C-alpha atoms as a PDB file:
ATOM      1  CA  MET A   1    -230.065 -63.174 -82.748  1.00  0.00           C
ATOM      2  CA  SER A   2    -227.505 -60.411 -82.241  1.00  0.00           C
ATOM      3  CA  SER A   3    -227.859 -57.011 -80.581  1.00  0.00           C
ATOM      4  CA  TRP A   4    -227.540 -53.564 -82.350  1.00  0.00           C
ATOM      5  CA  ASN A   5    -223.922 -52.760 -83.237  1.00  0.00           C
ATOM      6  CA  GLU A   6    -223.066 -49.142 -83.957  1.00  0.00           C
ATOM      7  CA  VAL A   7    -220.749 -49.773 -86.919  1.00  0.00           C
ATOM      8  CA  ALA A   8    -220.278 -45.874 -87.757  1.00  0.00           C
ATOM      9  CA  ASP A   9    -221.609 -42.747 -86.284  1.00  0.00           C
ATOM     10  CA  ARG A  10    -225.406 -43.314 -85.768  1.00  0.00           C
ATOM     11  CA  VAL A  11    -225.330 -46.196 -88.210  1.00  0.00           C
ATOM     12  CA  TYR A  12    -226.439 -49.481 -86.512  1.00  0.00           C
ATOM     13  CA  GLN A  13    -226.425 -53.154 -87.781  1.00  0.00           C
ATOM     14  CA  ARG A  14    -228.172 -56.134 -86.403  1.00  0.00           C
ATOM     15  CA  ARG A  15    -227.818 -59.648 -87.744  1.00  0.00           C
ATOM     16  CA  TYR A  16    -230.811 -61.975 -87.738  1.00  0.00           C
ATOM     17  CA  ASP A  17    -231.431 -65.668 -88.041  1.00  0.00           C
ATOM     18  CA  PRO A  18    -232.313 -67.425 -90.223  1.00  0.00           C
ATOM     19  CA  LEU A  19    -229.800 -66.686 -92.898  1.00  0.00           C
ATOM     20  CA  ASP A  20    -227.568 -64.314 -90.790  1.00  0.00           C
ATOM     21  CA  VAL A  21    -229.255 -61.373 -92.677  1.00  0.00           C
ATOM     22  CA  SER A  22    -228.122 -57.843 -91.879  1.00  0.00           C
ATOM     23  CA  VAL A  23    -230.567 -55.039 -91.075  1.00  0.00           C
ATOM     24  CA  CYS A  24    -229.387 -51.564 -90.597  1.00  0.00           C
ATOM     25  CA  VAL A  25    -230.729 -48.358 -89.200  1.00  0.00           C
ATOM     26  CA  VAL A  26    -229.468 -44.882 -89.988  1.00  0.00           C
ATOM     27  CA  ALA A  27    -230.340 -42.281 -87.491  1.00  0.00           C
ATOM     28  CA  GLY A  28    -231.054 -38.619 -88.356  1.00  0.00           C
ATOM     29  CA  SER A  29    -232.536 -35.627 -86.570  1.00  0.00           C
ATOM     30  CA  ASP A  30    -235.778 -36.006 -88.440  1.00  0.00           C
ATOM     31  CA  GLY A  31    -236.223 -39.760 -87.890  1.00  0.00           C
ATOM     32  CA  LEU A  32    -234.782 -43.338 -88.801  1.00  0.00           C
ATOM     33  CA  LEU A  33    -234.015 -44.996 -92.129  1.00  0.00           C
ATOM     34  CA  LEU A  34    -234.373 -48.814 -91.886  1.00  0.00           C
ATOM     35  CA  VAL A  35    -232.621 -50.850 -94.432  1.00  0.00           C
ATOM     36  CA  ASP A  36    -234.252 -54.116 -95.245  1.00  0.00           C
ATOM     37  CA  THR A  37    -237.254 -55.752 -93.629  1.00  0.00           C
ATOM     38  CA  ARG A  38    -236.616 -59.497 -93.208  1.00  0.00           C
ATOM     39  CA  CYS A  39    -238.586 -62.485 -94.455  1.00  0.00           C
ATOM     40  CA  ASN A  40    -242.200 -62.098 -93.448  1.00  0.00           C
ATOM     41  CA  PRO A  41    -244.494 -59.791 -91.324  1.00  0.00           C
ATOM     42  CA  ARG A  42    -243.861 -61.702 -88.041  1.00  0.00           C
ATOM     43  CA  GLU A  43    -240.067 -61.080 -88.377  1.00  0.00           C
ATOM     44  CA  ALA A  44    -240.650 -57.552 -89.559  1.00  0.00           C
ATOM     45  CA  GLY A  45    -242.710 -56.960 -86.388  1.00  0.00           C
ATOM     46  CA  GLU A  46    -239.906 -58.190 -84.276  1.00  0.00           C
ATOM     47  CA  LEU A  47    -237.622 -55.900 -86.194  1.00  0.00           C
ATOM     48  CA  ALA A  48    -239.875 -52.990 -85.499  1.00  0.00           C
ATOM     49  CA  ALA A  49    -239.888 -53.754 -81.742  1.00  0.00           C
ATOM     50  CA  ASP A  50    -235.990 -54.077 -81.777  1.00  0.00           C
ATOM     51  CA  VAL A  51    -235.688 -50.670 -83.364  1.00  0.00           C
ATOM     52  CA  ALA A  52    -238.027 -49.070 -80.845  1.00  0.00           C
ATOM     53  CA  GLU A  53    -235.559 -50.429 -78.226  1.00  0.00           C
ATOM     54  CA  LEU A  54    -232.756 -48.754 -80.071  1.00  0.00           C
ATOM     55  CA  SER A  55    -234.399 -45.402 -80.413  1.00  0.00           C
ATOM     56  CA  SER A  56    -237.602 -43.485 -79.638  1.00  0.00           C
ATOM     57  CA  ALA A  57    -237.314 -41.835 -83.036  1.00  0.00           C
ATOM     58  CA  PRO A  58    -239.867 -42.973 -85.701  1.00  0.00           C
ATOM     59  CA  ILE A  59    -238.993 -44.986 -88.661  1.00  0.00           C
ATOM     60  CA  ARG A  60    -239.714 -42.634 -91.453  1.00  0.00           C
ATOM     61  CA  TRP A  61    -238.068 -44.196 -94.349  1.00  0.00           C
ATOM     62  CA  VAL A  62    -237.331 -47.785 -95.533  1.00  0.00           C
ATOM     63  CA  ALA A  63    -234.907 -48.978 -98.218  1.00  0.00           C
ATOM     64  CA  ASN A  64    -234.597 -52.378 -99.821  1.00  0.00           C
ATOM     65  CA  THR A  65    -231.158 -53.362-100.959  1.00  0.00           C
ATOM     66  CA  HIS A  66    -232.844 -55.790-103.466  1.00  0.00           C
ATOM     67  CA  ALA A  67    -235.942 -57.827-104.160  1.00  0.00           C
ATOM     68  CA  HIS A  68    -235.064 -61.117-102.431  1.00  0.00           C
ATOM     69  CA  TYR A  69    -237.432 -62.446 -99.861  1.00  0.00           C
ATOM     70  CA  ASP A  70    -235.055 -62.175 -96.905  1.00  0.00           C
ATOM     71  CA  HIS A  71    -234.599 -58.392 -97.500  1.00  0.00           C
ATOM     72  CA  SER A  72    -237.940 -57.315 -98.642  1.00  0.00           C
ATOM     73  CA  PHE A  73    -240.841 -59.664 -97.438  1.00  0.00           C
ATOM     74  CA  GLY A  74    -241.547 -57.516 -94.394  1.00  0.00           C
ATOM     75  CA  ASN A  75    -242.253 -54.240 -96.278  1.00  0.00           C
ATOM     76  CA  GLN A  76    -245.923 -54.265 -95.520  1.00  0.00           C
ATOM     77  CA  VAL A  77    -245.311 -53.802 -91.842  1.00  0.00           C
ATOM     78  CA  PHE A  78    -244.241 -50.208 -92.487  1.00  0.00           C
ATOM     79  CA  PRO A  79    -247.137 -48.715 -94.432  1.00  0.00           C
ATOM     80  CA  ASP A  80    -246.595 -45.203 -93.089  1.00  0.00           C
ATOM     81  CA  THR A  81    -243.049 -44.881 -94.442  1.00  0.00           C
ATOM     82  CA  SER A  82    -241.508 -44.055 -97.657  1.00  0.00           C
ATOM     83  CA  ILE A  83    -239.980 -47.263 -99.235  1.00  0.00           C
ATOM     84  CA  PHE A  84    -237.152 -46.787-101.482  1.00  0.00           C
ATOM     85  CA  GLY A  85    -235.772 -49.437-103.797  1.00  0.00           C
ATOM     86  CA  HIS A  86    -234.634 -50.274-107.227  1.00  0.00           C
ATOM     87  CA  HIS A  87    -237.260 -49.379-109.887  1.00  0.00           C
ATOM     88  CA  LEU A  88    -237.230 -53.036-111.167  1.00  0.00           C
ATOM     89  CA  ILE A  89    -238.239 -54.609-107.824  1.00  0.00           C
ATOM     90  CA  ALA A  90    -241.970 -54.774-108.826  1.00  0.00           C
ATOM     91  CA  ARG A  91    -241.067 -56.563-112.056  1.00  0.00           C
ATOM     92  CA  HIS A  92    -238.767 -58.917-110.119  1.00  0.00           C
ATOM     93  CA  PHE A  93    -241.500 -59.653-107.569  1.00  0.00           C
ATOM     94  CA  ALA A  94    -243.720 -60.644-110.584  1.00  0.00           C
ATOM     95  CA  GLU A  95    -241.159 -62.769-112.335  1.00  0.00           C
ATOM     96  CA  PHE A  96    -239.452 -64.489-109.436  1.00  0.00           C
ATOM     97  CA  GLU A  97    -240.499 -63.811-105.871  1.00  0.00           C
ATOM     98  CA  GLY A  98    -244.173 -64.051-106.553  1.00  0.00           C
ATOM     99  CA  PRO A  99    -244.116 -67.548-108.026  1.00  0.00           C
ATOM    100  CA  ARG A 100    -241.613 -68.587-105.418  1.00  0.00           C
ATOM    101  CA  LEU A 101    -243.999 -67.446-102.753  1.00  0.00           C
ATOM    102  CA  GLU A 102    -246.875 -69.291-104.265  1.00  0.00           C
ATOM    103  CA  SER A 103    -244.781 -72.545-104.380  1.00  0.00           C
ATOM    104  CA  TRP A 104    -243.942 -72.057-100.765  1.00  0.00           C
ATOM    105  CA  LEU A 105    -247.454 -71.406 -99.683  1.00  0.00           C
ATOM    106  CA  ALA A 106    -248.571 -74.568-101.486  1.00  0.00           C
ATOM    107  CA  ALA A 107    -246.012 -76.769 -99.584  1.00  0.00           C
ATOM    108  CA  PRO A 108    -245.503 -75.080 -96.230  1.00  0.00           C
ATOM    109  CA  GLU A 109    -243.906 -78.433 -94.792  1.00  0.00           C
ATOM    110  CA  SER A 110    -240.923 -78.024 -97.097  1.00  0.00           C
ATOM    111  CA  GLN A 111    -239.820 -74.963 -95.070  1.00  0.00           C
ATOM    112  CA  PRO A 112    -241.182 -75.243 -91.530  1.00  0.00           C
ATOM    113  CA  HIS A 113    -238.969 -72.495 -90.153  1.00  0.00           C
ATOM    114  CA  TYR A 114    -240.628 -69.969 -92.318  1.00  0.00           C
ATOM    115  CA  ASP A 115    -244.111 -68.414 -92.112  1.00  0.00           C
ATOM    116  CA  TRP A 116    -245.200 -67.249 -95.589  1.00  0.00           C
ATOM    117  CA  ARG A 117    -249.091 -67.189 -94.780  1.00  0.00           C
ATOM    118  CA  ASP A 118    -249.636 -63.410 -94.359  1.00  0.00           C
ATOM    119  CA  VAL A 119    -246.843 -62.080 -96.765  1.00  0.00           C
ATOM    120  CA  ARG A 120    -248.319 -59.382 -99.269  1.00  0.00           C
ATOM    121  CA  LEU A 121    -245.626 -58.504-101.697  1.00  0.00           C
ATOM    122  CA  THR A 122    -245.094 -54.757-101.292  1.00  0.00           C
ATOM    123  CA  PRO A 123    -242.855 -53.130-103.765  1.00  0.00           C
ATOM    124  CA  PRO A 124    -241.178 -49.839-103.042  1.00  0.00           C
ATOM    125  CA  THR A 125    -243.260 -46.599-103.089  1.00  0.00           C
ATOM    126  CA  VAL A 126    -240.285 -44.618-104.323  1.00  0.00           C
ATOM    127  CA  PRO A 127    -238.712 -46.471-107.213  1.00  0.00           C
ATOM    128  CA  VAL A 128    -235.076 -45.390-107.709  1.00  0.00           C
ATOM    129  CA  THR A 129    -233.755 -45.060-111.141  1.00  0.00           C
ATOM    130  CA  ASP A 130    -230.712 -42.766-110.672  1.00  0.00           C
ATOM    131  CA  VAL A 131    -228.595 -41.733-107.742  1.00  0.00           C
ATOM    132  CA  LEU A 132    -230.990 -40.222-105.268  1.00  0.00           C
ATOM    133  CA  SER A 133    -230.297 -38.246-102.149  1.00  0.00           C
ATOM    134  CA  LEU A 134    -232.462 -38.408 -98.967  1.00  0.00           C
ATOM    135  CA  ASP A 135    -232.259 -35.685 -96.162  1.00  0.00           C
ATOM    136  CA  LEU A 136    -232.586 -37.321 -92.746  1.00  0.00           C
ATOM    137  CA  GLY A 137    -232.626 -33.749 -91.186  1.00  0.00           C
ATOM    138  CA  ASP A 138    -228.940 -33.390 -90.254  1.00  0.00           C
ATOM    139  CA  ARG A 139    -227.327 -35.670 -92.690  1.00  0.00           C
ATOM    140  CA  LEU A 140    -227.869 -37.005 -96.205  1.00  0.00           C
ATOM    141  CA  VAL A 141    -227.882 -40.545 -97.406  1.00  0.00           C
ATOM    142  CA  ARG A 142    -227.463 -41.452-101.149  1.00  0.00           C
ATOM    143  CA  PHE A 143    -229.206 -44.516-102.940  1.00  0.00           C
ATOM    144  CA  HIS A 144    -227.227 -45.880-105.826  1.00  0.00           C
ATOM    145  CA  PRO A 145    -229.189 -48.191-108.132  1.00  0.00           C
ATOM    146  CA  LEU A 146    -226.781 -50.699-109.697  1.00  0.00           C
ATOM    147  CA  PRO A 147    -226.528 -52.464-112.984  1.00  0.00           C
ATOM    148  CA  PRO A 148    -227.482 -56.122-113.084  1.00  0.00           C
ATOM    149  CA  GLY A 149    -225.191 -58.256-110.859  1.00  0.00           C
ATOM    150  CA  HIS A 150    -226.514 -60.225-107.737  1.00  0.00           C
ATOM    151  CA  THR A 151    -229.951 -59.184-109.167  1.00  0.00           C
ATOM    152  CA  ASP A 152    -231.217 -56.586-111.473  1.00  0.00           C
ATOM    153  CA  THR A 153    -232.636 -54.774-108.381  1.00  0.00           C
ATOM    154  CA  ASP A 154    -229.582 -54.134-106.399  1.00  0.00           C
ATOM    155  CA  LEU A 155    -229.301 -50.732-104.602  1.00  0.00           C
ATOM    156  CA  ILE A 156    -226.512 -49.575-102.205  1.00  0.00           C
ATOM    157  CA  VAL A 157    -226.920 -46.998 -99.504  1.00  0.00           C
ATOM    158  CA  GLU A 158    -224.106 -44.568 -98.905  1.00  0.00           C
ATOM    159  CA  ILE A 159    -223.935 -42.565 -95.703  1.00  0.00           C
ATOM    160  CA  PRO A 160    -221.245 -39.955 -96.637  1.00  0.00           C
ATOM    161  CA  ASP A 161    -220.722 -38.341 -93.346  1.00  0.00           C
ATOM    162  CA  ALA A 162    -219.964 -41.655 -91.789  1.00  0.00           C
ATOM    163  CA  ALA A 163    -217.991 -43.057 -94.618  1.00  0.00           C
ATOM    164  CA  THR A 164    -220.301 -46.162 -94.628  1.00  0.00           C
ATOM    165  CA  TRP A 165    -221.698 -48.128 -97.365  1.00  0.00           C
ATOM    166  CA  LEU A 166    -224.757 -50.627 -96.904  1.00  0.00           C
ATOM    167  CA  LEU A 167    -224.197 -53.106 -99.752  1.00  0.00           C
ATOM    168  CA  GLY A 168    -226.891 -55.746 -99.585  1.00  0.00           C
ATOM    169  CA  ASP A 169    -225.873 -59.040-101.140  1.00  0.00           C
ATOM    170  CA  VAL A 170    -223.728 -57.728-103.834  1.00  0.00           C
ATOM    171  CA  VAL A 171    -221.066 -58.652-101.214  1.00  0.00           C
ATOM    172  CA  GLU A 172    -221.312 -61.595 -98.786  1.00  0.00           C
ATOM    173  CA  GLU A 173    -219.242 -61.970 -95.706  1.00  0.00           C
ATOM    174  CA  SER A 174    -220.748 -64.962 -93.712  1.00  0.00           C
ATOM    175  CA  GLY A 175    -221.222 -67.171 -96.715  1.00  0.00           C
ATOM    176  CA  PRO A 176    -220.245 -67.450-100.373  1.00  0.00           C
ATOM    177  CA  PRO A 177    -221.735 -65.113-103.087  1.00  0.00           C
ATOM    178  CA  MET A 178    -225.103 -66.388-103.842  1.00  0.00           C
ATOM    179  CA  TYR A 179    -226.178 -66.762-107.567  1.00  0.00           C
ATOM    180  CA  GLY A 180    -229.831 -66.862-106.681  1.00  0.00           C
ATOM    181  CA  SER A 181    -233.086 -66.016-108.467  1.00  0.00           C
ATOM    182  CA  GLY A 182    -232.415 -63.374-111.197  1.00  0.00           C
ATOM    183  CA  SER A 183    -228.727 -63.083-110.923  1.00  0.00           C
ATOM    184  CA  PHE A 184    -226.256 -61.964-113.558  1.00  0.00           C
ATOM    185  CA  PRO A 185    -223.030 -63.794-112.939  1.00  0.00           C
ATOM    186  CA  LEU A 186    -221.339 -62.305-116.041  1.00  0.00           C
ATOM    187  CA  GLY A 187    -222.069 -58.637-115.109  1.00  0.00           C
ATOM    188  CA  TRP A 188    -221.636 -58.978-111.256  1.00  0.00           C
ATOM    189  CA  PRO A 189    -217.886 -58.746-111.066  1.00  0.00           C
ATOM    190  CA  GLY A 190    -217.783 -55.389-113.100  1.00  0.00           C
ATOM    191  CA  VAL A 191    -220.447 -54.042-110.735  1.00  0.00           C
ATOM    192  CA  LEU A 192    -218.022 -54.590-107.808  1.00  0.00           C
ATOM    193  CA  ASP A 193    -215.215 -53.105-109.845  1.00  0.00           C
ATOM    194  CA  ASN A 194    -217.293 -49.853-110.273  1.00  0.00           C
ATOM    195  CA  ILE A 195    -218.320 -49.793-106.581  1.00  0.00           C
ATOM    196  CA  ALA A 196    -214.686 -50.077-105.658  1.00  0.00           C
ATOM    197  CA  GLU A 197    -213.938 -46.723-107.449  1.00  0.00           C
ATOM    198  CA  LEU A 198    -216.364 -44.975-105.216  1.00  0.00           C
ATOM    199  CA  ILE A 199    -214.978 -46.440-101.827  1.00  0.00           C
ATOM    200  CA  ALA A 200    -212.009 -45.359 -99.863  1.00  0.00           C
ATOM    201  CA  PRO A 201    -209.721 -47.888 -98.100  1.00  0.00           C
ATOM    202  CA  GLY A 202    -210.928 -46.779 -94.671  1.00  0.00           C
ATOM    203  CA  ASP A 203    -214.672 -46.877 -95.544  1.00  0.00           C
ATOM    204  CA  VAL A 204    -217.037 -49.242 -93.658  1.00  0.00           C
ATOM    205  CA  LEU A 205    -218.943 -51.769 -95.778  1.00  0.00           C
ATOM    206  CA  VAL A 206    -221.891 -53.621 -94.377  1.00  0.00           C
ATOM    207  CA  PRO A 207    -222.802 -56.742 -96.415  1.00  0.00           C
ATOM    208  CA  GLY A 208    -226.231 -58.166 -96.587  1.00  0.00           C
ATOM    209  CA  HIS A 209    -225.077 -61.150 -94.568  1.00  0.00           C
ATOM    210  CA  GLY A 210    -222.154 -61.080 -92.059  1.00  0.00           C
ATOM    211  CA  ARG A 211    -219.907 -58.747 -90.330  1.00  0.00           C
ATOM    212  CA  PRO A 212    -218.758 -55.218 -91.680  1.00  0.00           C
ATOM    213  CA  VAL A 213    -215.779 -55.435 -94.107  1.00  0.00           C
ATOM    214  CA  ASP A 214    -213.549 -53.023 -96.152  1.00  0.00           C
ATOM    215  CA  ARG A 215    -212.656 -52.255 -99.594  1.00  0.00           C
ATOM    216  CA  ALA A 216    -209.871 -54.865 -99.723  1.00  0.00           C
ATOM    217  CA  PHE A 217    -212.522 -57.525 -98.859  1.00  0.00           C
ATOM    218  CA  LEU A 218    -214.733 -56.226-101.717  1.00  0.00           C
ATOM    219  CA  LEU A 219    -211.846 -56.576-104.167  1.00  0.00           C
ATOM    220  CA  GLU A 220    -211.016 -60.082-103.174  1.00  0.00           C
ATOM    221  CA  GLN A 221    -214.687 -60.871-103.757  1.00  0.00           C
ATOM    222  CA  ALA A 222    -214.650 -59.278-107.052  1.00  0.00           C
ATOM    223  CA  ALA A 223    -211.668 -61.372-108.051  1.00  0.00           C
ATOM    224  CA  VAL A 224    -213.399 -64.525-107.314  1.00  0.00           C
ATOM    225  CA  LEU A 225    -216.507 -63.453-109.255  1.00  0.00           C
ATOM    226  CA  HIS A 226    -214.278 -62.598-112.279  1.00  0.00           C
ATOM    227  CA  ILE A 227    -212.951 -66.152-112.157  1.00  0.00           C
ATOM    228  CA  VAL A 228    -216.475 -67.470-112.255  1.00  0.00           C
ATOM    229  CA  ALA A 229    -217.620 -65.245-115.028  1.00  0.00           C
ATOM    230  CA  ASP A 230    -214.462 -65.791-117.198  1.00  0.00           C
ATOM    231  CA  GLY A 231    -214.882 -69.581-116.661  1.00  0.00           C
ATOM    232  CA  ILE A 232    -218.550 -69.388-117.749  1.00  0.00           C
ATOM    233  CA  ARG A 233    -217.726 -67.628-120.940  1.00  0.00           C
ATOM    234  CA  SER A 234    -214.794 -69.857-121.778  1.00  0.00           C
ATOM    235  CA  SER A 235    -216.938 -72.890-121.220  1.00  0.00           C
ATOM    236  CA  PHE A 236    -219.731 -71.638-123.190  1.00  0.00           C
ATOM    237  CA  ASP A 237    -217.496 -70.865-126.141  1.00  0.00           C
ATOM    238  CA  GLN A 238    -216.213 -74.366-126.074  1.00  0.00           C
ATOM    239  CA  SER A 239    -219.707 -75.863-125.889  1.00  0.00           C
ATOM    240  CA  GLU A 240    -218.639 -77.598-122.637  1.00  0.00           C
ATOM    241  CA  PRO A 241    -221.593 -79.378-120.864  1.00  0.00           C
ATOM    242  CA  ILE A 242    -222.985 -77.517-117.803  1.00  0.00           C
ATOM    243  CA  GLU A 243    -221.981 -80.172-115.436  1.00  0.00           C
ATOM    244  CA  SER A 244    -218.297 -80.400-116.429  1.00  0.00           C
ATOM    245  CA  ALA A 245    -218.222 -76.556-116.735  1.00  0.00           C
ATOM    246  CA  SER A 246    -219.578 -76.157-113.203  1.00  0.00           C
ATOM    247  CA  GLU A 247    -217.059 -78.697-111.774  1.00  0.00           C
ATOM    248  CA  ARG A 248    -214.123 -76.927-113.516  1.00  0.00           C
ATOM    249  CA  VAL A 249    -215.320 -73.325-112.429  1.00  0.00           C
ATOM    250  CA  ALA A 250    -215.942 -74.530-108.928  1.00  0.00           C
ATOM    251  CA  SER A 251    -212.358 -75.885-108.651  1.00  0.00           C
ATOM    252  CA  MET A 252    -210.969 -72.546-110.132  1.00  0.00           C
ATOM    253  CA  SER A 253    -212.997 -70.376-107.884  1.00  0.00           C
ATOM    254  CA  ARG A 254    -213.044 -72.558-104.705  1.00  0.00           C
ATOM    255  CA  LEU A 255    -216.817 -71.872-104.318  1.00  0.00           C
ATOM    256  CA  PRO A 256    -219.132 -74.668-103.512  1.00  0.00           C
ATOM    257  CA  LEU A 257    -220.258 -76.723-106.544  1.00  0.00           C
ATOM    258  CA  GLU A 258    -224.051 -76.254-105.905  1.00  0.00           C
ATOM    259  CA  ILE A 259    -223.481 -72.466-106.046  1.00  0.00           C
ATOM    260  CA  VAL A 260    -221.381 -72.390-109.204  1.00  0.00           C
ATOM    261  CA  GLU A 261    -223.937 -74.759-110.958  1.00  0.00           C
ATOM    262  CA  SER A 262    -226.526 -71.953-110.513  1.00  0.00           C
ATOM    263  CA  ALA A 263    -224.063 -69.435-111.780  1.00  0.00           C
ATOM    264  CA  VAL A 264    -223.235 -71.465-114.917  1.00  0.00           C
ATOM    265  CA  LEU A 265    -226.799 -72.222-115.841  1.00  0.00           C
ATOM    266  CA  ARG A 266    -227.747 -68.597-115.462  1.00  0.00           C
ATOM    267  CA  GLY A 267    -224.672 -67.440-117.462  1.00  0.00           C
ATOM    268  CA  TYR A 268    -225.215 -70.031-120.282  1.00  0.00           C
ATOM    269  CA  THR A 269    -228.839 -68.887-120.435  1.00  0.00           C
ATOM    270  CA  GLN A 270    -227.888 -65.321-120.872  1.00  0.00           C
ATOM    271  CA  LEU A 271    -225.054 -66.054-123.303  1.00  0.00           C
ATOM    272  CA  ALA A 272    -227.401 -68.174-125.340  1.00  0.00           C
ATOM    273  CA  ALA A 273    -229.990 -65.467-125.435  1.00  0.00           C
ATOM    274  CA  SER A 274    -227.368 -62.785-126.337  1.00  0.00           C
ATOM    275  CA  ALA A 275    -226.172 -65.109-129.259  1.00  0.00           C
ATOM    276  CA  GLY A 276    -229.712 -65.631-130.521  1.00  0.00           C
ATOM    277  CA  ALA A 277    -230.390 -61.856-130.422  1.00  0.00           C
ATOM    278  CA  SER A 278    -227.378 -61.164-132.509  1.00  0.00           C
ATOM    279  CA  GLU A 279    -228.190 -63.633-135.271  1.00  0.00           C
END
């Protein structure tokens, strides 16, 4: 476990195990904005104590960068805050995280390093449908809900006066991009292209896992995601089996095969659904 790192003016990042997940705090004169809440109530309780060591100001607002468990399953620990998040998080909980939580609770021995017993899925109290500004007292932050990419619940946090962006898992630094539950591998690279248009070369970008990066890093990751997306489309058009398509796209993108397999399966499923809808 790391300590708090001030990555920009009154913007703090702390990286937590397991998963090297980033949690950020943005300080304003009226209180603190906490971005992401870790994996369960116990971890979120540790987080709250760590924030108290950082500042005596209260946590008044919480934001979720997306619906995945390592970023949102601690929400219940902050009942007196306004929780901002993409408007589709509640639906994603019902379709993906809820069933996954039930399976984990049924077999706790499969993941002994996690504690799921007391998790209550707590969706945002302020669903964000369009760009939304929040006044922290002496500074504004902006929440940008994104089109489907890493998930269909991605939301990035812009701190304009600090030239800083909290990106969640649409960008990964300490590991490869993850095509997890509810991913959209065909749309994800275009999402990064659009984000790049908003970002200046000197801006600070904080990924959902890993150290802060810059616009050049984002563009490099977008290029890899384009290779994956183009490879999936090409393989689907040629009716290539998923196994051989995954091996080919993994070789082209230099991403781990098990990650690319998930991307190809999701991509094939979405392309098939699109083809069926157009018939």
